[in-house]
C-alpha atoms as a PDB file:
ATOM      1  CA  MET A   1      40.368 184.840 161.864  1.00  0.00           C
ATOM      2  CA  THR A   2      39.071 184.676 158.589  1.00  0.00           C
ATOM      3  CA  VAL A   3      37.116 181.953 156.346  1.00  0.00           C
ATOM      4  CA  ALA A   4      38.721 181.266 152.991  1.00  0.00           C
ATOM      5  CA  SER A   5      37.059 179.650 149.722  1.00  0.00           C
ATOM      6  CA  TRP A   6      35.088 176.626 149.906  1.00  0.00           C
ATOM      7  CA  LYS A   7      35.931 173.150 147.171  1.00  0.00           C
ATOM      8  CA  SER A   8      33.679 170.847 146.380  1.00  0.00           C
ATOM      9  CA  TRP A   9      33.226 167.868 144.250  1.00  0.00           C
ATOM     10  CA  LEU A  10      30.526 165.285 143.337  1.00  0.00           C
ATOM     11  CA  CYS A  11      30.877 161.567 144.189  1.00  0.00           C
ATOM     12  CA  GLY A  12      29.182 158.249 142.562  1.00  0.00           C
ATOM     13  CA  VAL A  13      26.410 156.960 143.912  1.00  0.00           C
ATOM     14  CA  SER A  14      24.144 154.269 142.682  1.00  0.00           C
ATOM     15  CA  GLU A  15      20.692 155.787 142.922  1.00  0.00           C
ATOM     16  CA  MET A  16      19.338 159.347 143.869  1.00  0.00           C
ATOM     17  CA  PRO A  17      15.343 159.406 144.628  1.00  0.00           C
ATOM     18  CA  PRO A  18      13.456 162.392 143.325  1.00  0.00           C
ATOM     19  CA  GLU A  19      13.179 164.061 146.968  1.00  0.00           C
ATOM     20  CA  VAL A  20      16.649 163.607 147.340  1.00  0.00           C
ATOM     21  CA  ARG A  21      17.428 165.486 144.409  1.00  0.00           C
ATOM     22  CA  ALA A  22      14.450 168.424 145.041  1.00  0.00           C
ATOM     23  CA  VAL A  23      17.180 169.494 148.183  1.00  0.00           C
ATOM     24  CA  HIS A  24      20.050 170.016 146.242  1.00  0.00           C
ATOM     25  CA  HIS A  25      19.027 169.494 142.574  1.00  0.00           C
ATOM     26  CA  ILE A  26      22.054 167.336 141.455  1.00  0.00           C
ATOM     27  CA  SER A  27      21.494 164.617 138.970  1.00  0.00           C
ATOM     28  CA  LEU A  28      22.260 161.039 139.068  1.00  0.00           C
ATOM     29  CA  ALA A  29      24.038 162.000 135.356  1.00  0.00           C
ATOM     30  CA  GLU A  30      26.186 164.216 137.091  1.00  0.00           C
ATOM     31  CA  CYS A  31      27.505 161.214 139.537  1.00  0.00           C
ATOM     32  CA  HIS A  32      28.040 158.861 136.906  1.00  0.00           C
ATOM     33  CA  GLY A  33      31.741 157.285 136.739  1.00  0.00           C
ATOM     34  CA  LEU A  34      32.601 159.112 139.907  1.00  0.00           C
ATOM     35  CA  ARG A  35      34.470 157.521 142.992  1.00  0.00           C
ATOM     36  CA  GLU A  36      32.161 156.681 145.441  1.00  0.00           C
ATOM     37  CA  PHE A  37      33.190 158.568 149.232  1.00  0.00           C
ATOM     38  CA  SER A  38      34.803 156.402 151.522  1.00  0.00           C
ATOM     39  CA  GLN A  39      36.661 156.777 154.709  1.00  0.00           C
ATOM     40  CA  ALA A  40      39.534 156.249 153.294  1.00  0.00           C
ATOM     41  CA  GLN A  41      38.901 159.367 151.026  1.00  0.00           C
ATOM     42  CA  ALA A  42      38.050 161.265 154.273  1.00  0.00           C
ATOM     43  CA  ASP A  43      41.154 160.398 156.050  1.00  0.00           C
ATOM     44  CA  ALA A  44      43.195 161.559 152.842  1.00  0.00           C
ATOM     45  CA  LEU A  45      41.558 164.584 153.354  1.00  0.00           C
ATOM     46  CA  MET A  46      42.513 165.056 156.901  1.00  0.00           C
ATOM     47  CA  ASP A  47      46.114 164.075 156.378  1.00  0.00           C
ATOM     48  CA  GLU A  48      45.966 166.804 153.530  1.00  0.00           C
ATOM     49  CA  SER A  49      44.749 169.725 155.175  1.00  0.00           C
ATOM     50  CA  GLU A  50      45.787 168.884 158.712  1.00  0.00           C
ATOM     51  CA  PRO A  51      43.115 170.037 160.871  1.00  0.00           C
ATOM     52  CA  VAL A  52      42.835 170.025 164.685  1.00  0.00           C
ATOM     53  CA  ALA A  53      39.077 169.977 164.631  1.00  0.00           C
ATOM     54  CA  LEU A  54      35.947 169.133 162.418  1.00  0.00           C
ATOM     55  CA  ALA A  55      33.095 171.182 162.463  1.00  0.00           C
ATOM     56  CA  ALA A  56      29.573 170.532 160.687  1.00  0.00           C
ATOM     57  CA  HIS A  57      26.263 171.959 161.337  1.00  0.00           C
ATOM     58  CA  ASN A  58      24.089 168.797 162.937  1.00  0.00           C
ATOM     59  CA  ALA A  59      27.120 166.743 163.127  1.00  0.00           C
ATOM     60  CA  GLU A  60      25.750 164.008 163.987  1.00  0.00           C
ATOM     61  CA  PHE A  61      24.431 163.195 160.891  1.00  0.00           C
ATOM     62  CA  GLU A  62      27.489 164.005 158.732  1.00  0.00           C
ATOM     63  CA  THR A  63      29.503 161.801 161.139  1.00  0.00           C
ATOM     64  CA  LYS A  64      27.086 158.971 159.740  1.00  0.00           C
ATOM     65  CA  PHE A  65      29.135 158.817 156.117  1.00  0.00           C
ATOM     66  CA  PHE A  66      32.713 158.591 157.848  1.00  0.00           C
ATOM     67  CA  ALA A  67      34.232 158.652 161.106  1.00  0.00           C
ATOM     68  CA  PRO A  68      36.761 161.551 162.497  1.00  0.00           C
ATOM     69  CA  SER A  69      39.807 161.076 163.643  1.00  0.00           C
ATOM     70  CA  ILE A  70      40.316 164.470 164.999  1.00  0.00           C
ATOM     71  CA  PRO A  71      37.775 166.371 167.403  1.00  0.00           C
ATOM     72  CA  VAL A  72      33.661 167.369 165.910  1.00  0.00           C
ATOM     73  CA  ILE A  73      32.195 170.840 166.645  1.00  0.00           C
ATOM     74  CA  CYS A  74      28.475 170.957 166.166  1.00  0.00           C
ATOM     75  CA  THR A  75      27.646 174.242 165.401  1.00  0.00           C
ATOM     76  CA  TYR A  76      24.076 173.649 165.571  1.00  0.00           C
ATOM     77  CA  LYS A  77      24.386 172.279 169.248  1.00  0.00           C
ATOM     78  CA  ALA A  78      26.623 175.143 170.288  1.00  0.00           C
ATOM     79  CA  ALA A  79      24.027 177.691 168.566  1.00  0.00           C
ATOM     80  CA  LEU A  80      21.419 176.184 170.600  1.00  0.00           C
ATOM     81  CA  ARG A  81      23.631 177.290 174.060  1.00  0.00           C
ATOM     82  CA  ALA A  82      25.053 180.165 172.675  1.00  0.00           C
ATOM     83  CA  TRP A  83      21.971 182.023 170.938  1.00  0.00           C
ATOM     84  CA  PRO A  84      18.744 180.022 172.565  1.00  0.00           C
ATOM     85  CA  HIS A  85      16.517 183.018 171.564  1.00  0.00           C
ATOM     86  CA  ALA A  86      17.468 182.699 168.056  1.00  0.00           C
ATOM     87  CA  PRO A  87      14.376 182.164 165.314  1.00  0.00           C
ATOM     88  CA  SER A  88      15.710 179.256 164.468  1.00  0.00           C
ATOM     89  CA  HIS A  89      18.845 177.266 164.591  1.00  0.00           C
ATOM     90  CA  SER A  90      19.197 176.187 161.132  1.00  0.00           C
ATOM     91  CA  ASN A  91      22.249 177.090 159.123  1.00  0.00           C
ATOM     92  CA  GLY A  92      20.596 179.059 156.613  1.00  0.00           C
ATOM     93  CA  ALA A  93      18.165 180.812 159.535  1.00  0.00           C
ATOM     94  CA  LEU A  94      20.925 181.195 161.811  1.00  0.00           C
ATOM     95  CA  ARG A  95      23.295 183.090 158.589  1.00  0.00           C
ATOM     96  CA  TYR A  96      20.778 185.824 157.875  1.00  0.00           C
ATOM     97  CA  TRP A  97      19.920 185.946 161.710  1.00  0.00           C
ATOM     98  CA  LEU A  98      23.442 186.589 162.514  1.00  0.00           C
ATOM     99  CA  GLU A  99      24.037 189.235 159.372  1.00  0.00           C
ATOM    100  CA  ASP A 100      21.154 191.275 160.206  1.00  0.00           C
ATOM    101  CA  GLN A 101      23.086 191.625 163.730  1.00  0.00           C
ATOM    102  CA  GLY A 102      26.054 192.497 162.191  1.00  0.00           C
ATOM    103  CA  LEU A 103      27.837 189.620 163.602  1.00  0.00           C
ATOM    104  CA  ILE A 104      29.177 188.209 160.508  1.00  0.00           C
ATOM    105  CA  ALA A 105      29.825 189.330 156.641  1.00  0.00           C
ATOM    106  CA  LEU A 106      29.452 186.700 153.900  1.00  0.00           C
ATOM    107  CA  ASP A 107      30.111 186.739 150.355  1.00  0.00           C
ATOM    108  CA  HIS A 108      26.662 186.164 148.757  1.00  0.00           C
ATOM    109  CA  SER A 109      27.564 184.204 145.728  1.00  0.00           C
ATOM    110  CA  MET A 110      30.092 181.794 148.384  1.00  0.00           C
ATOM    111  CA  THR A 111      26.811 180.797 149.544  1.00  0.00           C
ATOM    112  CA  GLN A 112      24.697 179.872 146.457  1.00  0.00           C
ATOM    113  CA  PRO A 113      24.011 177.335 145.203  1.00  0.00           C
ATOM    114  CA  VAL A 114      21.693 176.525 148.616  1.00  0.00           C
ATOM    115  CA  HIS A 115      22.056 172.873 149.905  1.00  0.00           C
ATOM    116  CA  ARG A 116      25.290 171.832 148.421  1.00  0.00           C
ATOM    117  CA  ALA A 117      28.246 170.962 150.107  1.00  0.00           C
ATOM    118  CA  GLY A 118      30.337 173.694 149.510  1.00  0.00           C
ATOM    119  CA  PRO A 119      28.185 176.910 149.889  1.00  0.00           C
ATOM    120  CA  ASP A 120      26.558 175.346 153.034  1.00  0.00           C
ATOM    121  CA  ALA A 121      30.117 174.698 154.804  1.00  0.00           C
ATOM    122  CA  TYR A 122      30.926 178.490 153.507  1.00  0.00           C
ATOM    123  CA  VAL A 123      27.885 179.503 155.623  1.00  0.00           C
ATOM    124  CA  THR A 124      28.855 176.964 159.045  1.00  0.00           C
ATOM    125  CA  ALA A 125      32.089 178.371 158.815  1.00  0.00           C
ATOM    126  CA  HIS A 126      30.883 181.816 159.478  1.00  0.00           C
ATOM    127  CA  ILE A 127      28.542 180.497 162.088  1.00  0.00           C
ATOM    128  CA  LEU A 128      31.462 179.265 163.825  1.00  0.00           C
ATOM    129  CA  LEU A 129      33.430 182.637 163.901  1.00  0.00           C
ATOM    130  CA  ALA A 130      30.589 184.263 165.035  1.00  0.00           C
ATOM    131  CA  LEU A 131      30.652 181.790 168.167  1.00  0.00           C
ATOM    132  CA  PHE A 132      34.218 182.027 168.332  1.00  0.00           C
ATOM    133  CA  ASN A 133      33.810 185.855 168.421  1.00  0.00           C
ATOM    134  CA  ALA A 134      31.178 185.647 171.179  1.00  0.00           C
ATOM    135  CA  GLY A 135      33.488 183.750 173.539  1.00  0.00           C
ATOM    136  CA  HIS A 136      32.814 180.191 173.390  1.00  0.00           C
ATOM    137  CA  THR A 137      35.867 178.264 173.031  1.00  0.00           C
ATOM    138  CA  GLY A 138      36.823 175.169 170.915  1.00  0.00           C
ATOM    139  CA  ARG A 139      36.891 172.887 174.120  1.00  0.00           C
ATOM    140  CA  GLU A 140      33.764 174.044 174.920  1.00  0.00           C
ATOM    141  CA  MET A 141      32.324 173.666 171.989  1.00  0.00           C
ATOM    142  CA  ILE A 142      33.605 170.042 171.041  1.00  0.00           C
ATOM    143  CA  ALA A 143      31.976 169.085 174.769  1.00  0.00           C
ATOM    144  CA  TRP A 144      28.624 170.532 174.067  1.00  0.00           C
ATOM    145  CA  THR A 145      28.888 168.450 170.741  1.00  0.00           C
ATOM    146  CA  LYS A 146      29.342 165.142 173.229  1.00  0.00           C
ATOM    147  CA  GLU A 147      26.268 166.113 175.055  1.00  0.00           C
ATOM    148  CA  PRO A 148      22.106 166.322 173.515  1.00  0.00           C
ATOM    149  CA  ARG A 149      21.044 168.923 172.047  1.00  0.00           C
ATOM    150  CA  LEU A 150      19.869 171.720 174.934  1.00  0.00           C
ATOM    151  CA  LEU A 151      16.643 172.492 173.615  1.00  0.00           C
ATOM    152  CA  PRO A 152      15.545 176.140 174.815  1.00  0.00           C
ATOM    153  CA  THR A 153      11.729 175.095 174.603  1.00  0.00           C
ATOM    154  CA  CYS A 154       9.676 172.084 174.374  1.00  0.00           C
ATOM    155  CA  PRO A 155       9.578 171.011 170.918  1.00  0.00           C
ATOM    156  CA  ILE A 156       6.236 168.488 171.188  1.00  0.00           C
ATOM    157  CA  GLY A 157       2.691 168.498 172.489  1.00  0.00           C
ATOM    158  CA  LYS A 158       0.517 171.138 174.136  1.00  0.00           C
ATOM    159  CA  PHE A 159       3.461 172.554 175.760  1.00  0.00           C
ATOM    160  CA  ARG A 160       5.254 173.180 171.960  1.00  0.00           C
ATOM    161  CA  GLY A 161       7.032 176.352 172.069  1.00  0.00           C
ATOM    162  CA  GLN A 162       6.848 176.735 175.681  1.00  0.00           C
ATOM    163  CA  PRO A 163      10.095 177.182 178.165  1.00  0.00           C
ATOM    164  CA  TRP A 164      11.128 174.035 179.755  1.00  0.00           C
ATOM    165  CA  SER A 165      10.353 175.687 183.207  1.00  0.00           C
ATOM    166  CA  GLU A 166       6.666 175.989 182.254  1.00  0.00           C
ATOM    167  CA  VAL A 167       5.982 172.453 181.331  1.00  0.00           C
ATOM    168  CA  GLU A 168       3.710 170.472 184.061  1.00  0.00           C
ATOM    169  CA  ALA A 169       5.751 167.969 185.767  1.00  0.00           C
ATOM    170  CA  GLY A 170       3.414 165.403 185.047  1.00  0.00           C
ATOM    171  CA  PHE A 171       3.865 165.963 181.063  1.00  0.00           C
ATOM    172  CA  LEU A 172       7.809 165.770 181.598  1.00  0.00           C
ATOM    173  CA  GLY A 173       7.277 162.565 183.975  1.00  0.00           C
ATOM    174  CA  TRP A 174       5.137 161.299 180.313  1.00  0.00           C
ATOM    175  CA  MET A 175       7.878 162.185 178.345  1.00  0.00           C
ATOM    176  CA  LEU A 176      10.571 159.669 180.551  1.00  0.00           C
ATOM    177  CA  ARG A 177       7.832 156.780 180.362  1.00  0.00           C
ATOM    178  CA  GLN A 178       7.530 157.062 176.566  1.00  0.00           C
ATOM    179  CA  PRO A 179       9.565 153.753 174.830  1.00  0.00           C
ATOM    180  CA  THR A 180       9.886 155.515 171.212  1.00  0.00           C
ATOM    181  CA  MET A 181      10.542 159.600 172.761  1.00  0.00           C
ATOM    182  CA  GLU A 182      13.950 160.633 171.354  1.00  0.00           C
ATOM    183  CA  ALA A 183      16.452 160.480 173.626  1.00  0.00           C
ATOM    184  CA  ASP A 184      17.229 163.843 173.587  1.00  0.00           C
ATOM    185  CA  LEU A 185      14.179 164.815 174.407  1.00  0.00           C
ATOM    186  CA  LYS A 186      14.152 162.730 177.393  1.00  0.00           C
ATOM    187  CA  TRP A 187      17.259 164.309 178.245  1.00  0.00           C
ATOM    188  CA  ASN A 188      16.021 167.560 177.966  1.00  0.00           C
ATOM    189  CA  ALA A 189      13.098 166.404 180.461  1.00  0.00           C
ATOM    190  CA  GLU A 190      15.485 165.066 182.841  1.00  0.00           C
ATOM    191  CA  ARG A 191      17.618 168.104 183.111  1.00  0.00           C
ATOM    192  CA  GLU A 192      14.400 170.297 183.678  1.00  0.00           C
ATOM    193  CA  ILE A 193      13.239 167.862 186.479  1.00  0.00           C
ATOM    194  CA  SER A 194      16.790 167.823 188.045  1.00  0.00           C
ATOM    195  CA  ARG A 195      16.694 171.522 188.056  1.00  0.00           C
ATOM    196  CA  ARG A 196      13.088 171.646 190.154  1.00  0.00           C
ATOM    197  CA  GLN A 197      14.886 169.269 192.512  1.00  0.00           C
ATOM    198  CA  SER A 198      17.677 171.071 192.987  1.00  0.00           C
ATOM    199  CA  GLU A 199      15.866 174.708 193.752  1.00  0.00           C
ATOM    200  CA  GLY A 200      13.420 172.711 196.216  1.00  0.00           C
ATOM    201  CA  ASN A 201      16.685 171.506 197.820  1.00  0.00           C
ATOM    202  CA  ARG A 202      17.655 175.172 198.400  1.00  0.00           C
ATOM    203  CA  PRO A 203      17.574 176.325 201.889  1.00  0.00           C
END
């Protein structure tokens, strides 16, 4: 299995705030007169290449802009499960972490400039390749994508950075009672509570 060269293009937008430009360094002038991205355009791309699945790092964000007609793999969610002890699960950090272990080999020129669709997709494709090489299947990763993020450690409060097994029961309960608590965090807290209850019921 190999990773091909990437292809990307700009789409028209009506505005581009400076904080957005600071990420990808694309100007509004470069997008002037171009066609806006649409669901029809996404569907045409799918028909042209006939993929069996779509992969994206943080697919939840990407799919806000179009509705894929094929299964989706979130390499971010998959990486959280495959490599829970990675120092970071961002696209760029995983790229270098996997490179340092000899698990992927990228053409550096294809990864530049960062935070652009093509180079970022090229990095994501290599992360996906590493996930396959680690023995994870497409079906498995599609199933993970449909579930909340499985966080290896608690990301908030006085237990930030600690494994869920070390978080006090009272704090887990507090998380569940917060009406504005992120759904994924509540899911992780509920999962830890269920794990403890299951272990407590063992003979």
